[in-house]
């Protein structure tokens, strides 16, 4: 993935940083919490197309109308 995918900010201080990878952003949230005791938040601007498609196919919104029954990710046992 290229480009900015997540931004971490902290309302208790001036910390703000953008990341290309969600894992790096998650690590920054954890590190800032450990180092300062603050509770930073992150905003996800984008995810890889495959992640977005998998989420849509799996019906992660929880509504049956959102589920793609033709997807290999579809589970009817839930």
PDB file of N, CA and C in Angstrom:
ATOM      1  N   UNK A   1       0.848  -1.159   0.000  1.00  0.00           N
ATOM      2  CA  UNK A   1       0.000   0.000   0.000  1.00  0.00           C
ATOM      3  C   UNK A   1       0.894   1.221   0.000  1.00  0.00           C
ATOM      4  N   UNK A   2       0.540   2.194  -0.798  1.00  0.00           N
ATOM      5  CA  UNK A   2       1.307   3.421  -0.827  1.00  0.00           C
ATOM      6  C   UNK A   2       0.414   4.579  -0.423  1.00  0.00           C
ATOM      7  N   UNK A   3       1.017   5.641   0.067  1.00  0.00           N
ATOM      8  CA  UNK A   3       0.259   6.798   0.498  1.00  0.00           C
ATOM      9  C   UNK A   3      -0.158   6.672   1.946  1.00  0.00           C
ATOM     10  N   UNK A   4      -0.745   7.742   2.418  1.00  0.00           N
ATOM     11  CA  UNK A   4      -1.161   7.816   3.809  1.00  0.00           C
ATOM     12  C   UNK A   4      -2.374   6.925   4.036  1.00  0.00           C
ATOM     13  N   UNK A   5      -2.283   6.021   5.002  1.00  0.00           N
ATOM     14  CA  UNK A   5      -3.430   5.164   5.288  1.00  0.00           C
ATOM     15  C   UNK A   5      -4.017   5.414   6.665  1.00  0.00           C
ATOM     16  N   UNK A   6      -3.249   6.017   7.581  1.00  0.00           N
ATOM     17  CA  UNK A   6      -3.761   6.285   8.923  1.00  0.00           C
ATOM     18  C   UNK A   6      -3.027   7.462   9.553  1.00  0.00           C
ATOM     19  N   UNK A   7      -3.754   8.197  10.371  1.00  0.00           N
ATOM     20  CA  UNK A   7      -3.176   9.309  11.118  1.00  0.00           C
ATOM     21  C   UNK A   7      -3.474   9.117  12.596  1.00  0.00           C
ATOM     22  N   UNK A   8      -2.458   9.245  13.423  1.00  0.00           N
ATOM     23  CA  UNK A   8      -2.596   9.127  14.871  1.00  0.00           C
ATOM     24  C   UNK A   8      -2.489  10.529  15.459  1.00  0.00           C
ATOM     25  N   UNK A   9      -3.441  10.888  16.316  1.00  0.00           N
ATOM     26  CA  UNK A   9      -3.418  12.182  16.981  1.00  0.00           C
ATOM     27  C   UNK A   9      -3.701  11.997  18.462  1.00  0.00           C
ATOM     28  N   UNK A  10      -3.266  12.970  19.237  1.00  0.00           N
ATOM     29  CA  UNK A  10      -3.496  12.939  20.681  1.00  0.00           C
ATOM     30  C   UNK A  10      -4.070  14.276  21.115  1.00  0.00           C
ATOM     31  N   UNK A  11      -5.244  14.241  21.741  1.00  0.00           N
ATOM     32  CA  UNK A  11      -5.882  15.455  22.213  1.00  0.00           C
ATOM     33  C   UNK A  11      -5.246  16.026  23.467  1.00  0.00           C
ATOM     34  N   UNK A  12      -4.429  15.229  24.155  1.00  0.00           N
ATOM     35  CA  UNK A  12      -3.797  15.685  25.389  1.00  0.00           C
ATOM     36  C   UNK A  12      -2.476  16.394  25.146  1.00  0.00           C
ATOM     37  N   UNK A  13      -1.952  16.285  23.928  1.00  0.00           N
ATOM     38  CA  UNK A  13      -0.694  16.948  23.585  1.00  0.00           C
ATOM     39  C   UNK A  13      -0.709  17.268  22.089  1.00  0.00           C
ATOM     40  N   UNK A  14       0.389  17.655  21.567  1.00  0.00           N
ATOM     41  CA  UNK A  14       0.472  18.060  20.160  1.00  0.00           C
ATOM     42  C   UNK A  14       0.836  16.921  19.218  1.00  0.00           C
ATOM     43  N   UNK A  15       0.837  15.686  19.702  1.00  0.00           N
ATOM     44  CA  UNK A  15       1.283  14.565  18.866  1.00  0.00           C
ATOM     45  C   UNK A  15       0.331  14.340  17.699  1.00  0.00           C
ATOM     46  N   UNK A  16       0.902  14.270  16.499  1.00  0.00           N
ATOM     47  CA  UNK A  16       0.171  13.897  15.288  1.00  0.00           C
ATOM     48  C   UNK A  16       1.179  13.326  14.309  1.00  0.00           C
ATOM     49  N   UNK A  17       0.861  12.174  13.770  1.00  0.00           N
ATOM     50  CA  UNK A  17       1.765  11.529  12.818  1.00  0.00           C
ATOM     51  C   UNK A  17       0.944  10.690  11.849  1.00  0.00           C
ATOM     52  N   UNK A  18       1.348  10.683  10.580  1.00  0.00           N
ATOM     53  CA  UNK A  18       0.681   9.902   9.547  1.00  0.00           C
ATOM     54  C   UNK A  18       1.544   8.712   9.168  1.00  0.00           C
ATOM     55  N   UNK A  19       0.889   7.623   8.790  1.00  0.00           N
ATOM     56  CA  UNK A  19       1.590   6.372   8.500  1.00  0.00           C
ATOM     57  C   UNK A  19       1.082   5.762   7.202  1.00  0.00           C
ATOM     58  N   UNK A  20       1.975   5.070   6.527  1.00  0.00           N
ATOM     59  CA  UNK A  20       1.621   4.341   5.308  1.00  0.00           C
ATOM     60  C   UNK A  20       1.014   2.983   5.624  1.00  0.00           C
ATOM     61  N   UNK A  21       1.353   2.452   6.799  1.00  0.00           N
ATOM     62  CA  UNK A  21       0.906   1.102   7.159  1.00  0.00           C
ATOM     63  C   UNK A  21       0.114   1.148   8.461  1.00  0.00           C
ATOM     64  N   UNK A  22      -0.984   0.404   8.490  1.00  0.00           N
ATOM     65  CA  UNK A  22      -1.826   0.367   9.682  1.00  0.00           C
ATOM     66  C   UNK A  22      -1.091  -0.211  10.879  1.00  0.00           C
ATOM     67  N   UNK A  23      -0.234  -1.191  10.650  1.00  0.00           N
ATOM     68  CA  UNK A  23       0.534  -1.785  11.744  1.00  0.00           C
ATOM     69  C   UNK A  23       1.443  -0.770  12.421  1.00  0.00           C
ATOM     70  N   UNK A  24       2.051   0.102  11.624  1.00  0.00           N
ATOM     71  CA  UNK A  24       2.906   1.147  12.187  1.00  0.00           C
ATOM     72  C   UNK A  24       2.086   2.148  12.992  1.00  0.00           C
ATOM     73  N   UNK A  25       0.899   2.478  12.508  1.00  0.00           N
ATOM     74  CA  UNK A  25       0.021   3.396  13.237  1.00  0.00           C
ATOM     75  C   UNK A  25      -0.420   2.777  14.562  1.00  0.00           C
ATOM     76  N   UNK A  26      -0.779   1.510  14.526  1.00  0.00           N
ATOM     77  CA  UNK A  26      -1.193   0.812  15.752  1.00  0.00           C
ATOM     78  C   UNK A  26      -0.045   0.790  16.763  1.00  0.00           C
ATOM     79  N   UNK A  27       1.162   0.547  16.292  1.00  0.00           N
ATOM     80  CA  UNK A  27       2.328   0.542  17.177  1.00  0.00           C
ATOM     81  C   UNK A  27       2.562   1.933  17.779  1.00  0.00           C
ATOM     82  N   UNK A  28       2.326   2.974  16.991  1.00  0.00           N
ATOM     83  CA  UNK A  28       2.496   4.337  17.499  1.00  0.00           C
ATOM     84  C   UNK A  28       1.473   4.654  18.581  1.00  0.00           C
ATOM     85  N   UNK A  29       0.240   4.193  18.404  1.00  0.00           N
ATOM     86  CA  UNK A  29      -0.788   4.391  19.435  1.00  0.00           C
ATOM     87  C   UNK A  29      -0.353   3.726  20.734  1.00  0.00           C
ATOM     88  N   UNK A  30       0.084   2.483  20.626  1.00  0.00           N
ATOM     89  CA  UNK A  30       0.515   1.743  21.820  1.00  0.00           C
ATOM     90  C   UNK A  30       1.728   2.394  22.478  1.00  0.00           C
ATOM     91  N   UNK A  31       2.679   2.821  21.677  1.00  0.00           N
ATOM     92  CA  UNK A  31       3.889   3.451  22.222  1.00  0.00           C
ATOM     93  C   UNK A  31       3.557   4.771  22.908  1.00  0.00           C
ATOM     94  N   UNK A  32       2.699   5.567  22.300  1.00  0.00           N
ATOM     95  CA  UNK A  32       2.339   6.863  22.900  1.00  0.00           C
ATOM     96  C   UNK A  32       1.599   6.642  24.218  1.00  0.00           C
ATOM     97  N   UNK A  33       0.733   5.660  24.266  1.00  0.00           N
ATOM     98  CA  UNK A  33       0.041   5.343  25.525  1.00  0.00           C
ATOM     99  C   UNK A  33       1.044   4.943  26.603  1.00  0.00           C
ATOM    100  N   UNK A  34       1.970   4.082  26.242  1.00  0.00           N
ATOM    101  CA  UNK A  34       2.949   3.587  27.216  1.00  0.00           C
ATOM    102  C   UNK A  34       3.882   4.701  27.692  1.00  0.00           C
ATOM    103  N   UNK A  35       4.286   5.565  26.775  1.00  0.00           N
ATOM    104  CA  UNK A  35       5.251   6.610  27.103  1.00  0.00           C
ATOM    105  C   UNK A  35       4.644   7.794  27.854  1.00  0.00           C
ATOM    106  N   UNK A  36       3.371   8.107  27.575  1.00  0.00           N
ATOM    107  CA  UNK A  36       2.789   9.336  28.122  1.00  0.00           C
ATOM    108  C   UNK A  36       1.579   9.106  29.016  1.00  0.00           C
ATOM    109  N   UNK A  37       0.941   7.956  28.892  1.00  0.00           N
ATOM    110  CA  UNK A  37      -0.307   7.720  29.612  1.00  0.00           C
ATOM    111  C   UNK A  37      -1.500   8.370  28.923  1.00  0.00           C
ATOM    112  N   UNK A  38      -1.281   8.997  27.774  1.00  0.00           N
ATOM    113  CA  UNK A  38      -2.360   9.627  27.009  1.00  0.00           C
ATOM    114  C   UNK A  38      -3.138   8.556  26.250  1.00  0.00           C
ATOM    115  N   UNK A  39      -4.284   8.948  25.730  1.00  0.00           N
ATOM    116  CA  UNK A  39      -5.117   8.027  24.956  1.00  0.00           C
ATOM    117  C   UNK A  39      -5.282   8.562  23.534  1.00  0.00           C
ATOM    118  N   UNK A  40      -4.279   8.343  22.677  1.00  0.00           N
ATOM    119  CA  UNK A  40      -4.369   8.841  21.305  1.00  0.00           C
ATOM    120  C   UNK A  40      -5.418   8.075  20.510  1.00  0.00           C
ATOM    121  N   UNK A  41      -5.840   8.675  19.435  1.00  0.00           N
ATOM    122  CA  UNK A  41      -6.791   8.024  18.534  1.00  0.00           C
ATOM    123  C   UNK A  41      -6.165   7.944  17.157  1.00  0.00           C
ATOM    124  N   UNK A  42      -6.744   7.083  16.332  1.00  0.00           N
ATOM    125  CA  UNK A  42      -6.277   7.012  14.966  1.00  0.00           C
ATOM    126  C   UNK A  42      -7.452   7.057  14.027  1.00  0.00           C
ATOM    127  N   UNK A  43      -7.214   7.648  12.875  1.00  0.00           N
ATOM    128  CA  UNK A  43      -8.206   7.708  11.818  1.00  0.00           C
ATOM    129  C   UNK A  43      -7.631   6.956  10.626  1.00  0.00           C
ATOM    130  N   UNK A  44      -8.386   6.008  10.147  1.00  0.00           N
ATOM    131  CA  UNK A  44      -7.941   5.213   9.004  1.00  0.00           C
ATOM    132  C   UNK A  44      -8.524   5.841   7.746  1.00  0.00           C
ATOM    133  N   UNK A  45      -7.639   6.318   6.878  1.00  0.00           N
ATOM    134  CA  UNK A  45      -8.078   6.942   5.637  1.00  0.00           C
ATOM    135  C   UNK A  45      -8.328   5.913   4.539  1.00  0.00           C
ATOM    136  N   UNK A  46      -7.532   4.855   4.526  1.00  0.00           N
ATOM    137  CA  UNK A  46      -7.689   3.867   3.460  1.00  0.00           C
ATOM    138  C   UNK A  46      -7.138   2.521   3.889  1.00  0.00           C
ATOM    139  N   UNK A  47      -7.645   1.490   3.251  1.00  0.00           N
ATOM    140  CA  UNK A  47      -7.118   0.138   3.417  1.00  0.00           C
ATOM    141  C   UNK A  47      -6.905  -0.440   2.024  1.00  0.00           C
ATOM    142  N   UNK A  48      -6.154  -1.499   1.933  1.00  0.00           N
ATOM    143  CA  UNK A  48      -5.911  -2.145   0.648  1.00  0.00           C
ATOM    144  C   UNK A  48      -7.238  -2.596   0.045  1.00  0.00           C
ATOM    145  N   UNK A  49      -7.320  -2.569  -1.273  1.00  0.00           N
ATOM    146  CA  UNK A  49      -8.557  -2.945  -1.963  1.00  0.00           C
ATOM    147  C   UNK A  49      -9.032  -4.337  -1.559  1.00  0.00           C
ATOM    148  N   UNK A  50      -8.103  -5.265  -1.396  1.00  0.00           N
ATOM    149  CA  UNK A  50      -8.481  -6.630  -1.004  1.00  0.00           C
ATOM    150  C   UNK A  50      -9.107  -6.684   0.374  1.00  0.00           C
ATOM    151  N   UNK A  51      -8.626  -5.852   1.292  1.00  0.00           N
ATOM    152  CA  UNK A  51      -9.189  -5.801   2.648  1.00  0.00           C
ATOM    153  C   UNK A  51     -10.607  -5.241   2.595  1.00  0.00           C
ATOM    154  N   UNK A  52     -10.793  -4.203   1.799  1.00  0.00           N
ATOM    155  CA  UNK A  52     -12.121  -3.611   1.670  1.00  0.00           C
ATOM    156  C   UNK A  52     -13.102  -4.602   1.048  1.00  0.00           C
ATOM    157  N   UNK A  53     -12.665  -5.305   0.020  1.00  0.00           N
ATOM    158  CA  UNK A  53     -13.520  -6.298  -0.627  1.00  0.00           C
ATOM    159  C   UNK A  53     -13.852  -7.439   0.319  1.00  0.00           C
ATOM    160  N   UNK A  54     -12.865  -7.920   1.056  1.00  0.00           N
ATOM    161  CA  UNK A  54     -13.102  -9.019   2.003  1.00  0.00           C
ATOM    162  C   UNK A  54     -14.086  -8.599   3.079  1.00  0.00           C
ATOM    163  N   UNK A  55     -13.949  -7.389   3.580  1.00  0.00           N
ATOM    164  CA  UNK A  55     -14.890  -6.897   4.586  1.00  0.00           C
ATOM    165  C   UNK A  55     -16.297  -6.809   4.040  1.00  0.00           C
ATOM    166  N   UNK A  56     -16.422  -6.312   2.837  1.00  0.00           N
ATOM    167  CA  UNK A  56     -17.742  -6.199   2.216  1.00  0.00           C
ATOM    168  C   UNK A  56     -18.341  -7.578   1.962  1.00  0.00           C
ATOM    169  N   UNK A  57     -17.535  -8.494   1.459  1.00  0.00           N
ATOM    170  CA  UNK A  57     -18.023  -9.850   1.171  1.00  0.00           C
ATOM    171  C   UNK A  57     -18.435 -10.589   2.440  1.00  0.00           C
ATOM    172  N   UNK A  58     -17.723 -10.340   3.521  1.00  0.00           N
ATOM    173  CA  UNK A  58     -18.015 -11.051   4.767  1.00  0.00           C
ATOM    174  C   UNK A  58     -19.225 -10.467   5.488  1.00  0.00           C
ATOM    175  N   UNK A  59     -19.697  -9.316   5.066  1.00  0.00           N
ATOM    176  CA  UNK A  59     -20.856  -8.717   5.703  1.00  0.00           C
ATOM    177  C   UNK A  59     -20.566  -8.229   7.101  1.00  0.00           C
ATOM    178  N   UNK A  60     -19.424  -7.582   7.291  1.00  0.00           N
ATOM    179  CA  UNK A  60     -19.020  -7.164   8.626  1.00  0.00           C
ATOM    180  C   UNK A  60     -19.941  -6.140   9.258  1.00  0.00           C
ATOM    181  N   UNK A  61     -20.831  -5.554   8.486  1.00  0.00           N
ATOM    182  CA  UNK A  61     -21.760  -4.604   9.089  1.00  0.00           C
ATOM    183  C   UNK A  61     -22.807  -5.336   9.913  1.00  0.00           C
ATOM    184  N   UNK A  62     -22.930  -6.648   9.731  1.00  0.00           N
ATOM    185  CA  UNK A  62     -23.841  -7.442  10.539  1.00  0.00           C
ATOM    186  C   UNK A  62     -25.229  -7.607   9.957  1.00  0.00           C
ATOM    187  N   UNK A  63     -25.495  -6.975   8.853  1.00  0.00           N
ATOM    188  CA  UNK A  63     -26.814  -7.100   8.236  1.00  0.00           C
ATOM    189  C   UNK A  63     -26.758  -8.128   7.118  1.00  0.00           C
ATOM    190  N   UNK A  64     -27.697  -9.059   7.085  1.00  0.00           N
ATOM    191  CA  UNK A  64     -27.696 -10.076   6.017  1.00  0.00           C
ATOM    192  C   UNK A  64     -27.708  -9.463   4.620  1.00  0.00           C
ATOM    193  N   UNK A  65     -28.337  -8.322   4.464  1.00  0.00           N
ATOM    194  CA  UNK A  65     -28.396  -7.693   3.141  1.00  0.00           C
ATOM    195  C   UNK A  65     -27.019  -7.239   2.656  1.00  0.00           C
ATOM    196  N   UNK A  66     -26.072  -7.115   3.552  1.00  0.00           N
ATOM    197  CA  UNK A  66     -24.722  -6.664   3.185  1.00  0.00           C
ATOM    198  C   UNK A  66     -23.790  -7.813   2.827  1.00  0.00           C
ATOM    199  N   UNK A  67     -24.228  -9.030   2.980  1.00  0.00           N
ATOM    200  CA  UNK A  67     -23.377 -10.197   2.780  1.00  0.00           C
ATOM    201  C   UNK A  67     -23.437 -10.665   1.335  1.00  0.00           C
ATOM    202  N   UNK A  68     -22.294 -10.984   0.771  1.00  0.00           N
ATOM    203  CA  UNK A  68     -22.204 -11.529  -0.577  1.00  0.00           C
ATOM    204  C   UNK A  68     -22.165 -13.051  -0.467  1.00  0.00           C
ATOM    205  N   UNK A  69     -23.270 -13.707  -0.712  1.00  0.00           N
ATOM    206  CA  UNK A  69     -23.360 -15.158  -0.563  1.00  0.00           C
ATOM    207  C   UNK A  69     -22.530 -15.910  -1.599  1.00  0.00           C
ATOM    208  N   UNK A  70     -22.081 -15.244  -2.654  1.00  0.00           N
ATOM    209  CA  UNK A  70     -21.244 -15.880  -3.670  1.00  0.00           C
ATOM    210  C   UNK A  70     -19.759 -15.817  -3.324  1.00  0.00           C
ATOM    211  N   UNK A  71     -19.418 -15.123  -2.273  1.00  0.00           N
ATOM    212  CA  UNK A  71     -18.024 -14.965  -1.873  1.00  0.00           C
ATOM    213  C   UNK A  71     -17.509 -16.221  -1.172  1.00  0.00           C
ATOM    214  N   UNK A  72     -16.229 -16.553  -1.367  1.00  0.00           N
ATOM    215  CA  UNK A  72     -15.652 -17.677  -0.621  1.00  0.00           C
ATOM    216  C   UNK A  72     -15.556 -17.388   0.879  1.00  0.00           C
ATOM    217  N   UNK A  73     -15.736 -16.138   1.272  1.00  0.00           N
ATOM    218  CA  UNK A  73     -15.692 -15.761   2.686  1.00  0.00           C
ATOM    219  C   UNK A  73     -17.039 -15.927   3.371  1.00  0.00           C
ATOM    220  N   UNK A  74     -18.086 -16.184   2.614  1.00  0.00           N
ATOM    221  CA  UNK A  74     -19.429 -16.280   3.168  1.00  0.00           C
ATOM    222  C   UNK A  74     -19.543 -17.487   4.102  1.00  0.00           C
ATOM    223  N   UNK A  75     -20.129 -17.242   5.256  1.00  0.00           N
ATOM    224  CA  UNK A  75     -20.388 -18.315   6.231  1.00  0.00           C
ATOM    225  C   UNK A  75     -21.855 -18.252   6.600  1.00  0.00           C
ATOM    226  N   UNK A  76     -22.558 -19.339   6.403  1.00  0.00           N
ATOM    227  CA  UNK A  76     -23.968 -19.351   6.758  1.00  0.00           C
ATOM    228  C   UNK A  76     -24.211 -20.016   8.117  1.00  0.00           C
ATOM    229  N   UNK A  77     -23.137 -20.306   8.837  1.00  0.00           N
ATOM    230  CA  UNK A  77     -23.276 -20.973  10.137  1.00  0.00           C
ATOM    231  C   UNK A  77     -23.207 -19.972  11.297  1.00  0.00           C
ATOM    232  N   UNK A  78     -23.220 -18.689  11.001  1.00  0.00           N
ATOM    233  CA  UNK A  78     -23.117 -17.671  12.054  1.00  0.00           C
ATOM    234  C   UNK A  78     -24.476 -17.177  12.475  1.00  0.00           C
TER     235      UNK A  78
END
